[in-house]
PDB file of N, CA and C in Angstrom:
ATOM      1  N   ALA A   1      -6.410  49.267  -7.039  1.00  0.00           N
ATOM      2  CA  ALA A   1      -6.704  47.856  -7.209  1.00  0.00           C
ATOM      3  C   ALA A   1      -7.035  47.201  -5.867  1.00  0.00           C
ATOM      4  N   ASP A   2      -6.573  47.791  -4.760  1.00  0.00           N
ATOM      5  CA  ASP A   2      -6.906  47.237  -3.447  1.00  0.00           C
ATOM      6  C   ASP A   2      -8.395  47.377  -3.140  1.00  0.00           C
ATOM      7  N   MET A   3      -8.994  48.452  -3.632  1.00  0.00           N
ATOM      8  CA  MET A   3     -10.399  48.710  -3.326  1.00  0.00           C
ATOM      9  C   MET A   3     -11.336  48.272  -4.441  1.00  0.00           C
ATOM     10  N   PHE A   4     -10.856  48.315  -5.676  1.00  0.00           N
ATOM     11  CA  PHE A   4     -11.686  47.911  -6.811  1.00  0.00           C
ATOM     12  C   PHE A   4     -10.785  47.412  -7.929  1.00  0.00           C
ATOM     13  N   ALA A   5     -10.982  46.182  -8.294  1.00  0.00           N
ATOM     14  CA  ALA A   5     -10.253  45.607  -9.427  1.00  0.00           C
ATOM     15  C   ALA A   5     -11.286  45.206 -10.474  1.00  0.00           C
ATOM     16  N   ASN A   6     -11.248  45.855 -11.585  1.00  0.00           N
ATOM     17  CA  ASN A   6     -12.221  45.606 -12.640  1.00  0.00           C
ATOM     18  C   ASN A   6     -11.782  44.383 -13.455  1.00  0.00           C
ATOM     19  N   GLU A   7     -11.823  43.228 -12.809  1.00  0.00           N
ATOM     20  CA  GLU A   7     -11.354  41.997 -13.443  1.00  0.00           C
ATOM     21  C   GLU A   7     -12.339  41.436 -14.464  1.00  0.00           C
ATOM     22  N   GLU A   8     -13.609  41.730 -14.272  1.00  0.00           N
ATOM     23  CA  GLU A   8     -14.621  41.164 -15.173  1.00  0.00           C
ATOM     24  C   GLU A   8     -14.870  42.046 -16.382  1.00  0.00           C
ATOM     25  N   GLY A   9     -14.283  43.249 -16.410  1.00  0.00           N
ATOM     26  CA  GLY A   9     -14.467  44.145 -17.540  1.00  0.00           C
ATOM     27  C   GLY A   9     -15.805  44.846 -17.563  1.00  0.00           C
ATOM     28  N   GLY A  10     -16.566  44.751 -16.468  1.00  0.00           N
ATOM     29  CA  GLY A  10     -17.867  45.402 -16.406  1.00  0.00           C
ATOM     30  C   GLY A  10     -17.741  46.886 -16.115  1.00  0.00           C
ATOM     31  N   PRO A  11     -18.862  47.546 -15.961  1.00  0.00           N
ATOM     32  CA  PRO A  11     -18.830  48.985 -15.689  1.00  0.00           C
ATOM     33  C   PRO A  11     -18.262  49.277 -14.303  1.00  0.00           C
ATOM     34  N   GLU A  12     -17.636  50.422 -14.185  1.00  0.00           N
ATOM     35  CA  GLU A  12     -17.095  50.838 -12.885  1.00  0.00           C
ATOM     36  C   GLU A  12     -18.243  51.281 -11.982  1.00  0.00           C
ATOM     37  N   PRO A  13     -18.112  51.028 -10.676  1.00  0.00           N
ATOM     38  CA  PRO A  13     -19.132  51.513  -9.733  1.00  0.00           C
ATOM     39  C   PRO A  13     -19.149  53.044  -9.724  1.00  0.00           C
ATOM     40  N   ASP A  14     -20.265  53.601  -9.279  1.00  0.00           N
ATOM     41  CA  ASP A  14     -20.410  55.054  -9.239  1.00  0.00           C
ATOM     42  C   ASP A  14     -19.327  55.721  -8.394  1.00  0.00           C
ATOM     43  N   TRP A  15     -18.942  55.076  -7.272  1.00  0.00           N
ATOM     44  CA  TRP A  15     -17.952  55.711  -6.403  1.00  0.00           C
ATOM     45  C   TRP A  15     -16.594  55.820  -7.090  1.00  0.00           C
ATOM     46  N   VAL A  16     -16.263  54.879  -7.967  1.00  0.00           N
ATOM     47  CA  VAL A  16     -14.989  54.944  -8.693  1.00  0.00           C
ATOM     48  C   VAL A  16     -15.040  56.092  -9.702  1.00  0.00           C
ATOM     49  N   ILE A  17     -16.154  56.226 -10.371  1.00  0.00           N
ATOM     50  CA  ILE A  17     -16.316  57.330 -11.326  1.00  0.00           C
ATOM     51  C   ILE A  17     -16.207  58.671 -10.606  1.00  0.00           C
ATOM     52  N   THR A  18     -16.857  58.774  -9.450  1.00  0.00           N
ATOM     53  CA  THR A  18     -16.801  60.008  -8.663  1.00  0.00           C
ATOM     54  C   THR A  18     -15.381  60.307  -8.217  1.00  0.00           C
ATOM     55  N   GLU A  19     -14.657  59.293  -7.770  1.00  0.00           N
ATOM     56  CA  GLU A  19     -13.274  59.502  -7.338  1.00  0.00           C
ATOM     57  C   GLU A  19     -12.381  59.940  -8.499  1.00  0.00           C
ATOM     58  N   ARG A  20     -12.598  59.365  -9.672  1.00  0.00           N
ATOM     59  CA  ARG A  20     -11.828  59.796 -10.849  1.00  0.00           C
ATOM     60  C   ARG A  20     -12.091  61.263 -11.173  1.00  0.00           C
ATOM     61  N   GLU A  21     -13.364  61.665 -11.085  1.00  0.00           N
ATOM     62  CA  GLU A  21     -13.714  63.066 -11.341  1.00  0.00           C
ATOM     63  C   GLU A  21     -13.098  63.984 -10.296  1.00  0.00           C
ATOM     64  N   GLN A  22     -13.150  63.579  -9.028  1.00  0.00           N
ATOM     65  CA  GLN A  22     -12.539  64.375  -7.957  1.00  0.00           C
ATOM     66  C   GLN A  22     -11.045  64.557  -8.205  1.00  0.00           C
ATOM     67  N   PHE A  23     -10.396  63.484  -8.611  1.00  0.00           N
ATOM     68  CA  PHE A  23      -8.964  63.553  -8.880  1.00  0.00           C
ATOM     69  C   PHE A  23      -8.677  64.520 -10.023  1.00  0.00           C
ATOM     70  N   SER A  24      -9.362  64.344 -11.139  1.00  0.00           N
ATOM     71  CA  SER A  24      -9.039  65.172 -12.305  1.00  0.00           C
ATOM     72  C   SER A  24      -9.502  66.618 -12.138  1.00  0.00           C
ATOM     73  N   ASP A  25     -10.598  66.846 -11.423  1.00  0.00           N
ATOM     74  CA  ASP A  25     -11.119  68.208 -11.280  1.00  0.00           C
ATOM     75  C   ASP A  25     -10.485  68.994 -10.135  1.00  0.00           C
ATOM     76  N   PHE A  26     -10.126  68.311  -9.037  1.00  0.00           N
ATOM     77  CA  PHE A  26      -9.695  69.030  -7.840  1.00  0.00           C
ATOM     78  C   PHE A  26      -8.321  68.648  -7.304  1.00  0.00           C
ATOM     79  N   ARG A  27      -7.856  67.430  -7.505  1.00  0.00           N
ATOM     80  CA  ARG A  27      -6.597  66.989  -6.906  1.00  0.00           C
ATOM     81  C   ARG A  27      -5.399  67.205  -7.836  1.00  0.00           C
ATOM     82  N   ASP A  28      -5.545  66.839  -9.087  1.00  0.00           N
ATOM     83  CA  ASP A  28      -4.443  66.930 -10.056  1.00  0.00           C
ATOM     84  C   ASP A  28      -4.420  68.344 -10.648  1.00  0.00           C
ATOM     85  N   LEU A  29      -3.912  69.283  -9.875  1.00  0.00           N
ATOM     86  CA  LEU A  29      -3.988  70.702 -10.242  1.00  0.00           C
ATOM     87  C   LEU A  29      -3.202  71.032 -11.514  1.00  0.00           C
ATOM     88  N   ASN A  30      -2.072  70.353 -11.732  1.00  0.00           N
ATOM     89  CA  ASN A  30      -1.279  70.636 -12.933  1.00  0.00           C
ATOM     90  C   ASN A  30      -1.607  69.692 -14.096  1.00  0.00           C
ATOM     91  N   LYS A  31      -2.601  68.836 -13.898  1.00  0.00           N
ATOM     92  CA  LYS A  31      -3.131  67.954 -14.954  1.00  0.00           C
ATOM     93  C   LYS A  31      -2.091  67.045 -15.595  1.00  0.00           C
ATOM     94  N   ASP A  32      -1.168  66.523 -14.740  1.00  0.00           N
ATOM     95  CA  ASP A  32      -0.159  65.605 -15.272  1.00  0.00           C
ATOM     96  C   ASP A  32      -0.491  64.136 -14.999  1.00  0.00           C
ATOM     97  N   GLY A  33      -1.665  63.872 -14.415  1.00  0.00           N
ATOM     98  CA  GLY A  33      -2.095  62.496 -14.189  1.00  0.00           C
ATOM     99  C   GLY A  33      -1.613  61.883 -12.896  1.00  0.00           C
ATOM    100  N   LYS A  34      -0.885  62.642 -12.091  1.00  0.00           N
ATOM    101  CA  LYS A  34      -0.409  62.139 -10.795  1.00  0.00           C
ATOM    102  C   LYS A  34      -0.326  63.312  -9.824  1.00  0.00           C
ATOM    103  N   MET A  35      -0.243  62.979  -8.551  1.00  0.00           N
ATOM    104  CA  MET A  35      -0.182  64.030  -7.533  1.00  0.00           C
ATOM    105  C   MET A  35       1.257  64.217  -7.070  1.00  0.00           C
ATOM    106  N   ASP A  36       1.726  65.459  -7.120  1.00  0.00           N
ATOM    107  CA  ASP A  36       3.060  65.763  -6.609  1.00  0.00           C
ATOM    108  C   ASP A  36       2.944  66.251  -5.168  1.00  0.00           C
ATOM    109  N   LYS A  37       4.067  66.602  -4.577  1.00  0.00           N
ATOM    110  CA  LYS A  37       4.110  66.997  -3.170  1.00  0.00           C
ATOM    111  C   LYS A  37       3.193  68.191  -2.892  1.00  0.00           C
ATOM    112  N   ASP A  38       3.213  69.207  -3.738  1.00  0.00           N
ATOM    113  CA  ASP A  38       2.382  70.391  -3.525  1.00  0.00           C
ATOM    114  C   ASP A  38       0.893  70.064  -3.629  1.00  0.00           C
ATOM    115  N   GLU A  39       0.524  69.197  -4.556  1.00  0.00           N
ATOM    116  CA  GLU A  39      -0.878  68.811  -4.705  1.00  0.00           C
ATOM    117  C   GLU A  39      -1.349  68.002  -3.497  1.00  0.00           C
ATOM    118  N   ILE A  40      -0.502  67.148  -2.979  1.00  0.00           N
ATOM    119  CA  ILE A  40      -0.854  66.368  -1.787  1.00  0.00           C
ATOM    120  C   ILE A  40      -1.011  67.295  -0.589  1.00  0.00           C
ATOM    121  N   GLN A  41      -0.095  68.256  -0.450  1.00  0.00           N
ATOM    122  CA  GLN A  41      -0.199  69.209   0.653  1.00  0.00           C
ATOM    123  C   GLN A  41      -1.488  70.021   0.554  1.00  0.00           C
ATOM    124  N   HIS A  42      -1.833  70.472  -0.630  1.00  0.00           N
ATOM    125  CA  HIS A  42      -3.071  71.233  -0.827  1.00  0.00           C
ATOM    126  C   HIS A  42      -4.290  70.377  -0.501  1.00  0.00           C
ATOM    127  N   TRP A  43      -4.234  69.100  -0.807  1.00  0.00           N
ATOM    128  CA  TRP A  43      -5.337  68.180  -0.532  1.00  0.00           C
ATOM    129  C   TRP A  43      -5.493  67.951   0.969  1.00  0.00           C
ATOM    130  N   ILE A  44      -4.383  67.696   1.656  1.00  0.00           N
ATOM    131  CA  ILE A  44      -4.439  67.374   3.077  1.00  0.00           C
ATOM    132  C   ILE A  44      -4.642  68.614   3.940  1.00  0.00           C
ATOM    133  N   LEU A  45      -3.984  69.710   3.580  1.00  0.00           N
ATOM    134  CA  LEU A  45      -4.077  70.954   4.349  1.00  0.00           C
ATOM    135  C   LEU A  45      -4.491  72.115   3.452  1.00  0.00           C
ATOM    136  N   PRO A  46      -5.727  72.120   2.977  1.00  0.00           N
ATOM    137  CA  PRO A  46      -6.146  73.210   2.103  1.00  0.00           C
ATOM    138  C   PRO A  46      -6.114  74.548   2.836  1.00  0.00           C
ATOM    139  N   GLN A  47      -5.711  75.583   2.134  1.00  0.00           N
ATOM    140  CA  GLN A  47      -5.572  76.903   2.738  1.00  0.00           C
ATOM    141  C   GLN A  47      -6.921  77.530   3.087  1.00  0.00           C
ATOM    142  N   ASP A  48      -7.953  77.189   2.372  1.00  0.00           N
ATOM    143  CA  ASP A  48      -9.250  77.830   2.564  1.00  0.00           C
ATOM    144  C   ASP A  48     -10.229  76.976   3.374  1.00  0.00           C
ATOM    145  N   TYR A  49      -9.724  76.061   4.204  1.00  0.00           N
ATOM    146  CA  TYR A  49     -10.578  75.158   4.954  1.00  0.00           C
ATOM    147  C   TYR A  49     -10.193  75.213   6.423  1.00  0.00           C
ATOM    148  N   ASP A  50     -11.141  75.511   7.279  1.00  0.00           N
ATOM    149  CA  ASP A  50     -10.912  75.586   8.717  1.00  0.00           C
ATOM    150  C   ASP A  50     -11.331  74.260   9.350  1.00  0.00           C
ATOM    151  N   HIS A  51     -10.355  73.433   9.678  1.00  0.00           N
ATOM    152  CA  HIS A  51     -10.633  72.102  10.210  1.00  0.00           C
ATOM    153  C   HIS A  51     -11.381  72.157  11.536  1.00  0.00           C
ATOM    154  N   ALA A  52     -10.982  73.090  12.414  1.00  0.00           N
ATOM    155  CA  ALA A  52     -11.634  73.189  13.723  1.00  0.00           C
ATOM    156  C   ALA A  52     -13.103  73.582  13.566  1.00  0.00           C
ATOM    157  N   LEU A  53     -13.375  74.538  12.701  1.00  0.00           N
ATOM    158  CA  LEU A  53     -14.757  74.957  12.474  1.00  0.00           C
ATOM    159  C   LEU A  53     -15.577  73.817  11.864  1.00  0.00           C
ATOM    160  N   ALA A  54     -15.013  73.112  10.930  1.00  0.00           N
ATOM    161  CA  ALA A  54     -15.714  71.984  10.308  1.00  0.00           C
ATOM    162  C   ALA A  54     -16.026  70.897  11.333  1.00  0.00           C
ATOM    163  N   GLU A  55     -15.075  70.594  12.211  1.00  0.00           N
ATOM    164  CA  GLU A  55     -15.294  69.570  13.237  1.00  0.00           C
ATOM    165  C   GLU A  55     -16.336  70.036  14.242  1.00  0.00           C
ATOM    166  N   ALA A  56     -16.284  71.308  14.631  1.00  0.00           N
ATOM    167  CA  ALA A  56     -17.275  71.836  15.570  1.00  0.00           C
ATOM    168  C   ALA A  56     -18.677  71.768  14.962  1.00  0.00           C
ATOM    169  N   ARG A  57     -18.804  72.154  13.707  1.00  0.00           N
ATOM    170  CA  ARG A  57     -20.109  72.077  13.037  1.00  0.00           C
ATOM    171  C   ARG A  57     -20.601  70.635  12.956  1.00  0.00           C
ATOM    172  N   HIS A  58     -19.685  69.721  12.694  1.00  0.00           N
ATOM    173  CA  HIS A  58     -20.041  68.301  12.636  1.00  0.00           C
ATOM    174  C   HIS A  58     -20.566  67.816  13.990  1.00  0.00           C
ATOM    175  N   LEU A  59     -19.878  68.179  15.059  1.00  0.00           N
ATOM    176  CA  LEU A  59     -20.307  67.754  16.394  1.00  0.00           C
ATOM    177  C   LEU A  59     -21.688  68.312  16.736  1.00  0.00           C
ATOM    178  N   VAL A  60     -21.915  69.590  16.434  1.00  0.00           N
ATOM    179  CA  VAL A  60     -23.219  70.185  16.710  1.00  0.00           C
ATOM    180  C   VAL A  60     -24.287  69.521  15.849  1.00  0.00           C
ATOM    181  N   TYR A  61     -24.015  69.351  14.568  1.00  0.00           N
ATOM    182  CA  TYR A  61     -24.994  68.744  13.658  1.00  0.00           C
ATOM    183  C   TYR A  61     -25.396  67.345  14.130  1.00  0.00           C
ATOM    184  N   GLU A  62     -24.420  66.544  14.514  1.00  0.00           N
ATOM    185  CA  GLU A  62     -24.694  65.164  14.908  1.00  0.00           C
ATOM    186  C   GLU A  62     -25.320  65.050  16.296  1.00  0.00           C
ATOM    187  N   SER A  63     -25.075  66.012  17.179  1.00  0.00           N
ATOM    188  CA  SER A  63     -25.508  65.889  18.569  1.00  0.00           C
ATOM    189  C   SER A  63     -26.712  66.733  18.932  1.00  0.00           C
ATOM    190  N   ASP A  64     -27.012  67.748  18.159  1.00  0.00           N
ATOM    191  CA  ASP A  64     -28.100  68.679  18.458  1.00  0.00           C
ATOM    192  C   ASP A  64     -29.440  68.060  18.070  1.00  0.00           C
ATOM    193  N   VAL A  65     -30.004  67.283  18.984  1.00  0.00           N
ATOM    194  CA  VAL A  65     -31.212  66.514  18.709  1.00  0.00           C
ATOM    195  C   VAL A  65     -32.392  67.419  18.362  1.00  0.00           C
ATOM    196  N   ASP A  66     -32.567  68.514  19.088  1.00  0.00           N
ATOM    197  CA  ASP A  66     -33.710  69.395  18.834  1.00  0.00           C
ATOM    198  C   ASP A  66     -33.425  70.460  17.773  1.00  0.00           C
ATOM    199  N   LYS A  67     -32.234  70.420  17.181  1.00  0.00           N
ATOM    200  CA  LYS A  67     -31.824  71.291  16.068  1.00  0.00           C
ATOM    201  C   LYS A  67     -32.005  72.790  16.370  1.00  0.00           C
ATOM    202  N   ASP A  68     -31.666  73.188  17.629  1.00  0.00           N
ATOM    203  CA  ASP A  68     -31.743  74.593  17.992  1.00  0.00           C
ATOM    204  C   ASP A  68     -30.383  75.296  17.913  1.00  0.00           C
ATOM    205  N   GLN A  69     -29.383  74.602  17.354  1.00  0.00           N
ATOM    206  CA  GLN A  69     -28.014  75.118  17.202  1.00  0.00           C
ATOM    207  C   GLN A  69     -27.323  75.366  18.535  1.00  0.00           C
ATOM    208  N   LYS A  70     -27.826  74.735  19.591  1.00  0.00           N
ATOM    209  CA  LYS A  70     -27.214  74.816  20.912  1.00  0.00           C
ATOM    210  C   LYS A  70     -27.155  73.406  21.476  1.00  0.00           C
ATOM    211  N   LEU A  71     -26.084  73.104  22.172  1.00  0.00           N
ATOM    212  CA  LEU A  71     -25.956  71.790  22.786  1.00  0.00           C
ATOM    213  C   LEU A  71     -26.224  71.878  24.276  1.00  0.00           C
ATOM    214  N   THR A  72     -27.122  71.045  24.739  1.00  0.00           N
ATOM    215  CA  THR A  72     -27.359  70.944  26.173  1.00  0.00           C
ATOM    216  C   THR A  72     -26.376  69.932  26.748  1.00  0.00           C
ATOM    217  N   LYS A  73     -26.253  69.945  28.041  1.00  0.00           N
ATOM    218  CA  LYS A  73     -25.397  68.973  28.708  1.00  0.00           C
ATOM    219  C   LYS A  73     -25.856  67.551  28.359  1.00  0.00           C
ATOM    220  N   GLU A  74     -27.162  67.352  28.308  1.00  0.00           N
ATOM    221  CA  GLU A  74     -27.706  66.027  27.997  1.00  0.00           C
ATOM    222  C   GLU A  74     -27.344  65.595  26.578  1.00  0.00           C
ATOM    223  N   GLU A  75     -27.401  66.530  25.628  1.00  0.00           N
ATOM    224  CA  GLU A  75     -27.055  66.190  24.246  1.00  0.00           C
ATOM    225  C   GLU A  75     -25.578  65.803  24.129  1.00  0.00           C
ATOM    226  N   VAL A  76     -24.730  66.499  24.873  1.00  0.00           N
ATOM    227  CA  VAL A  76     -23.303  66.152  24.862  1.00  0.00           C
ATOM    228  C   VAL A  76     -23.093  64.787  25.504  1.00  0.00           C
ATOM    229  N   LEU A  77     -23.731  64.568  26.653  1.00  0.00           N
ATOM    230  CA  LEU A  77     -23.556  63.287  27.346  1.00  0.00           C
ATOM    231  C   LEU A  77     -24.151  62.123  26.559  1.00  0.00           C
ATOM    232  N   ASP A  78     -25.256  62.361  25.862  1.00  0.00           N
ATOM    233  CA  ASP A  78     -25.857  61.295  25.049  1.00  0.00           C
ATOM    234  C   ASP A  78     -24.955  60.910  23.875  1.00  0.00           C
ATOM    235  N   ASN A  79     -24.092  61.811  23.473  1.00  0.00           N
ATOM    236  CA  ASN A  79     -23.180  61.556  22.350  1.00  0.00           C
ATOM    237  C   ASN A  79     -21.724  61.634  22.791  1.00  0.00           C
ATOM    238  N   TRP A  80     -21.467  61.233  24.012  1.00  0.00           N
ATOM    239  CA  TRP A  80     -20.121  61.364  24.596  1.00  0.00           C
ATOM    240  C   TRP A  80     -19.052  60.703  23.745  1.00  0.00           C
ATOM    241  N   ASN A  81     -19.381  59.572  23.136  1.00  0.00           N
ATOM    242  CA  ASN A  81     -18.366  58.855  22.356  1.00  0.00           C
ATOM    243  C   ASN A  81     -17.898  59.667  21.148  1.00  0.00           C
ATOM    244  N   MET A  82     -18.789  60.471  20.580  1.00  0.00           N
ATOM    245  CA  MET A  82     -18.403  61.313  19.458  1.00  0.00           C
ATOM    246  C   MET A  82     -17.461  62.434  19.934  1.00  0.00           C
ATOM    247  N   PHE A  83     -17.736  62.970  21.112  1.00  0.00           N
ATOM    248  CA  PHE A  83     -16.933  64.072  21.624  1.00  0.00           C
ATOM    249  C   PHE A  83     -15.557  63.602  22.095  1.00  0.00           C
ATOM    250  N   VAL A  84     -15.486  62.465  22.753  1.00  0.00           N
ATOM    251  CA  VAL A  84     -14.174  62.001  23.220  1.00  0.00           C
ATOM    252  C   VAL A  84     -13.313  61.482  22.085  1.00  0.00           C
ATOM    253  N   GLY A  85     -13.911  61.227  20.946  1.00  0.00           N
ATOM    254  CA  GLY A  85     -13.159  60.812  19.774  1.00  0.00           C
ATOM    255  C   GLY A  85     -12.824  61.963  18.844  1.00  0.00           C
ATOM    256  N   SER A  86     -13.099  63.201  19.293  1.00  0.00           N
ATOM    257  CA  SER A  86     -12.928  64.357  18.427  1.00  0.00           C
ATOM    258  C   SER A  86     -11.684  65.159  18.781  1.00  0.00           C
ATOM    259  N   GLN A  87     -10.967  65.549  17.749  1.00  0.00           N
ATOM    260  CA  GLN A  87      -9.805  66.412  17.947  1.00  0.00           C
ATOM    261  C   GLN A  87     -10.242  67.776  18.483  1.00  0.00           C
ATOM    262  N   ALA A  88     -11.468  68.209  18.146  1.00  0.00           N
ATOM    263  CA  ALA A  88     -11.965  69.513  18.589  1.00  0.00           C
ATOM    264  C   ALA A  88     -12.083  69.597  20.107  1.00  0.00           C
ATOM    265  N   THR A  89     -12.281  68.472  20.765  1.00  0.00           N
ATOM    266  CA  THR A  89     -12.367  68.473  22.235  1.00  0.00           C
ATOM    267  C   THR A  89     -11.080  67.946  22.863  1.00  0.00           C
ATOM    268  N   ASN A  90     -10.010  67.936  22.062  1.00  0.00           N
ATOM    269  CA  ASN A  90      -8.741  67.401  22.534  1.00  0.00           C
ATOM    270  C   ASN A  90      -8.943  65.964  23.012  1.00  0.00           C
ATOM    271  N   TYR A  91      -9.714  65.221  22.235  1.00  0.00           N
ATOM    272  CA  TYR A  91     -10.048  63.815  22.502  1.00  0.00           C
ATOM    273  C   TYR A  91     -10.643  63.623  23.892  1.00  0.00           C
ATOM    274  N   GLY A  92     -11.567  64.548  24.236  1.00  0.00           N
ATOM    275  CA  GLY A  92     -12.317  64.436  25.478  1.00  0.00           C
ATOM    276  C   GLY A  92     -11.726  65.180  26.649  1.00  0.00           C
ATOM    277  N   GLU A  93     -10.475  65.538  26.568  1.00  0.00           N
ATOM    278  CA  GLU A  93      -9.827  66.205  27.700  1.00  0.00           C
ATOM    279  C   GLU A  93     -10.508  67.519  28.052  1.00  0.00           C
ATOM    280  N   ASP A  94     -10.940  68.282  27.057  1.00  0.00           N
ATOM    281  CA  ASP A  94     -11.582  69.568  27.315  1.00  0.00           C
ATOM    282  C   ASP A  94     -12.946  69.419  27.983  1.00  0.00           C
ATOM    283  N   LEU A  95     -13.542  68.255  27.899  1.00  0.00           N
ATOM    284  CA  LEU A  95     -14.846  68.041  28.516  1.00  0.00           C
ATOM    285  C   LEU A  95     -14.754  67.914  30.030  1.00  0.00           C
ATOM    286  N   THR A  96     -13.578  67.701  30.561  1.00  0.00           N
ATOM    287  CA  THR A  96     -13.412  67.558  32.012  1.00  0.00           C
ATOM    288  C   THR A  96     -13.204  68.888  32.708  1.00  0.00           C
ATOM    289  N   ARG A  97     -13.059  69.957  31.928  1.00  0.00           N
ATOM    290  CA  ARG A  97     -12.859  71.299  32.494  1.00  0.00           C
ATOM    291  C   ARG A  97     -14.183  72.025  32.620  1.00  0.00           C
ATOM    292  N   ASN A  98     -14.256  72.967  33.564  1.00  0.00           N
ATOM    293  CA  ASN A  98     -15.466  73.772  33.716  1.00  0.00           C
ATOM    294  C   ASN A  98     -15.588  74.773  32.579  1.00  0.00           C
ATOM    295  N   HIS A  99     -16.790  74.851  32.034  1.00  0.00           N
ATOM    296  CA  HIS A  99     -17.080  75.781  30.935  1.00  0.00           C
ATOM    297  C   HIS A  99     -18.371  76.512  31.249  1.00  0.00           C
ATOM    298  N   ASP A 100     -18.366  77.825  31.159  1.00  0.00           N
ATOM    299  CA  ASP A 100     -19.577  78.613  31.375  1.00  0.00           C
ATOM    300  C   ASP A 100     -20.645  78.281  30.347  1.00  0.00           C
ATOM    301  N   GLU A 101     -20.207  77.995  29.107  1.00  0.00           N
ATOM    302  CA  GLU A 101     -21.176  77.751  28.060  1.00  0.00           C
ATOM    303  C   GLU A 101     -21.873  76.394  28.186  1.00  0.00           C
ATOM    304  N   LEU A 102     -21.362  75.529  29.029  1.00  0.00           N
ATOM    305  CA  LEU A 102     -22.028  74.242  29.260  1.00  0.00           C
ATOM    306  C   LEU A 102     -22.942  74.422  30.435  1.00  0.00           C
TER     307      LEU A 102
END
């Protein structure tokens, strides 16, 4: 209700429908209509999802201007705010160290 209150009785927005489907198809694993501790843990820390790899791919995708799957020093510096805000770079701390790959 904080994000959407259907006070007028009209149709639900597409994002609400999508969220309902996500909940029933993927979050509510035991189909009891609510999320228990195990379901929340699976949602937040899925066993088959590599957070570091996903974040690294995100950084490359967003920063690799010429789409060669390699980041130049200029591409990193042009997107410095994304890197210093990333857990993958230890919130920018790793960028201050010498790296052969840079």
